[in-house]
C-alpha atoms as a PDB file:
ATOM      1  CA  UNK A   1    -135.170  -9.076 179.446  1.00  0.00           C
ATOM      2  CA  UNK A   2    -131.441  -8.412 179.652  1.00  0.00           C
ATOM      3  CA  UNK A   3    -128.895 -11.213 179.396  1.00  0.00           C
ATOM      4  CA  UNK A   4    -125.247 -11.234 180.350  1.00  0.00           C
ATOM      5  CA  UNK A   5    -122.824 -13.223 178.243  1.00  0.00           C
ATOM      6  CA  UNK A   6    -119.192 -14.054 178.815  1.00  0.00           C
ATOM      7  CA  UNK A   7    -116.854 -13.514 175.894  1.00  0.00           C
ATOM      8  CA  UNK A   8    -113.682 -15.472 175.281  1.00  0.00           C
ATOM      9  CA  UNK A   9    -111.080 -14.579 172.699  1.00  0.00           C
ATOM     10  CA  UNK A  10    -108.716 -17.128 171.190  1.00  0.00           C
ATOM     11  CA  UNK A  11    -105.136 -16.241 170.466  1.00  0.00           C
ATOM     12  CA  UNK A  12    -104.024 -16.035 166.833  1.00  0.00           C
ATOM     13  CA  UNK A  13    -102.647 -19.348 165.495  1.00  0.00           C
ATOM     14  CA  UNK A  14    -103.942 -21.292 168.523  1.00  0.00           C
ATOM     15  CA  UNK A  15    -106.483 -23.519 166.769  1.00  0.00           C
ATOM     16  CA  UNK A  16    -106.796 -25.747 169.872  1.00  0.00           C
ATOM     17  CA  UNK A  17    -108.509 -22.821 171.592  1.00  0.00           C
ATOM     18  CA  UNK A  18    -111.264 -22.906 168.977  1.00  0.00           C
ATOM     19  CA  UNK A  19    -112.275 -26.575 169.051  1.00  0.00           C
ATOM     20  CA  UNK A  20    -115.907 -26.210 168.008  1.00  0.00           C
ATOM     21  CA  UNK A  21    -115.011 -23.747 165.265  1.00  0.00           C
ATOM     22  CA  UNK A  22    -112.289 -26.018 163.872  1.00  0.00           C
ATOM     23  CA  UNK A  23    -114.582 -29.054 164.013  1.00  0.00           C
ATOM     24  CA  UNK A  24    -117.328 -27.174 162.188  1.00  0.00           C
ATOM     25  CA  UNK A  25    -114.846 -26.032 159.538  1.00  0.00           C
ATOM     26  CA  UNK A  26    -113.952 -29.698 159.016  1.00  0.00           C
ATOM     27  CA  UNK A  27    -117.617 -30.600 158.535  1.00  0.00           C
ATOM     28  CA  UNK A  28    -118.038 -27.785 156.025  1.00  0.00           C
ATOM     29  CA  UNK A  29    -114.946 -29.003 154.154  1.00  0.00           C
ATOM     30  CA  UNK A  30    -116.798 -32.276 153.461  1.00  0.00           C
ATOM     31  CA  UNK A  31    -118.981 -30.236 151.136  1.00  0.00           C
ATOM     32  CA  UNK A  32    -116.639 -27.414 150.111  1.00  0.00           C
ATOM     33  CA  UNK A  33    -112.995 -28.481 149.834  1.00  0.00           C
ATOM     34  CA  UNK A  34    -110.131 -26.076 150.386  1.00  0.00           C
ATOM     35  CA  UNK A  35    -109.488 -23.666 147.537  1.00  0.00           C
ATOM     36  CA  UNK A  36    -113.193 -23.659 146.632  1.00  0.00           C
ATOM     37  CA  UNK A  37    -114.133 -20.478 144.815  1.00  0.00           C
ATOM     38  CA  UNK A  38    -116.989 -19.217 146.966  1.00  0.00           C
ATOM     39  CA  UNK A  39    -118.103 -16.797 144.264  1.00  0.00           C
ATOM     40  CA  UNK A  40    -119.207 -19.897 142.344  1.00  0.00           C
ATOM     41  CA  UNK A  41    -121.378 -21.260 145.172  1.00  0.00           C
ATOM     42  CA  UNK A  42    -125.048 -20.322 144.993  1.00  0.00           C
ATOM     43  CA  UNK A  43    -127.093 -19.172 147.953  1.00  0.00           C
ATOM     44  CA  UNK A  44    -129.242 -22.295 147.508  1.00  0.00           C
ATOM     45  CA  UNK A  45    -126.161 -24.548 147.797  1.00  0.00           C
ATOM     46  CA  UNK A  46    -125.102 -22.766 150.986  1.00  0.00           C
ATOM     47  CA  UNK A  47    -128.580 -23.206 152.472  1.00  0.00           C
ATOM     48  CA  UNK A  48    -128.575 -26.912 151.543  1.00  0.00           C
ATOM     49  CA  UNK A  49    -125.218 -27.435 153.275  1.00  0.00           C
ATOM     50  CA  UNK A  50    -126.402 -25.414 156.269  1.00  0.00           C
ATOM     51  CA  UNK A  51    -129.540 -27.550 156.562  1.00  0.00           C
ATOM     52  CA  UNK A  52    -127.555 -30.787 156.299  1.00  0.00           C
ATOM     53  CA  UNK A  53    -125.173 -29.697 159.051  1.00  0.00           C
ATOM     54  CA  UNK A  54    -127.955 -28.405 161.313  1.00  0.00           C
ATOM     55  CA  UNK A  55    -129.851 -31.700 160.986  1.00  0.00           C
ATOM     56  CA  UNK A  56    -126.792 -33.902 161.550  1.00  0.00           C
ATOM     57  CA  UNK A  57    -126.768 -35.642 164.964  1.00  0.00           C
ATOM     58  CA  UNK A  58    -123.793 -34.711 167.164  1.00  0.00           C
ATOM     59  CA  UNK A  59    -122.288 -36.897 169.858  1.00  0.00           C
ATOM     60  CA  UNK A  60    -121.610 -33.842 172.033  1.00  0.00           C
ATOM     61  CA  UNK A  61    -125.358 -33.074 171.952  1.00  0.00           C
ATOM     62  CA  UNK A  62    -126.369 -36.579 173.006  1.00  0.00           C
ATOM     63  CA  UNK A  63    -126.930 -37.522 169.352  1.00  0.00           C
ATOM     64  CA  UNK A  64    -129.491 -34.762 168.951  1.00  0.00           C
ATOM     65  CA  UNK A  65    -129.172 -32.302 166.113  1.00  0.00           C
ATOM     66  CA  UNK A  66    -128.220 -28.638 166.526  1.00  0.00           C
ATOM     67  CA  UNK A  67    -131.663 -27.849 165.098  1.00  0.00           C
ATOM     68  CA  UNK A  68    -133.399 -29.886 167.836  1.00  0.00           C
ATOM     69  CA  UNK A  69    -131.318 -28.373 170.622  1.00  0.00           C
ATOM     70  CA  UNK A  70    -131.762 -24.802 169.432  1.00  0.00           C
ATOM     71  CA  UNK A  71    -135.516 -24.994 169.017  1.00  0.00           C
ATOM     72  CA  UNK A  72    -136.024 -26.850 172.298  1.00  0.00           C
ATOM     73  CA  UNK A  73    -134.230 -23.998 174.101  1.00  0.00           C
ATOM     74  CA  UNK A  74    -136.087 -21.410 172.040  1.00  0.00           C
ATOM     75  CA  UNK A  75    -139.423 -22.964 173.019  1.00  0.00           C
ATOM     76  CA  UNK A  76    -138.399 -22.758 176.693  1.00  0.00           C
ATOM     77  CA  UNK A  77    -137.683 -19.040 176.266  1.00  0.00           C
ATOM     78  CA  UNK A  78    -141.074 -18.455 174.682  1.00  0.00           C
ATOM     79  CA  UNK A  79    -142.824 -20.314 177.487  1.00  0.00           C
ATOM     80  CA  UNK A  80    -141.032 -18.325 180.214  1.00  0.00           C
END
């Protein structure tokens, strides 16, 4: 099955063109403040943060989690 995807490129230094990315960076900064030395962060810590963010309800998703939304869509694909 072949899919077609549109690509959009943001301009450098135009953070307002990358709303979701900037919001996600802000969520990550709750766990890893600026100037964090990422060489000191273990893979397990990264996975823990990833899991917390993926199981956090989002208003934009109708208060569902990214995990719920992804796997609901994935299940639809498998059923098709």
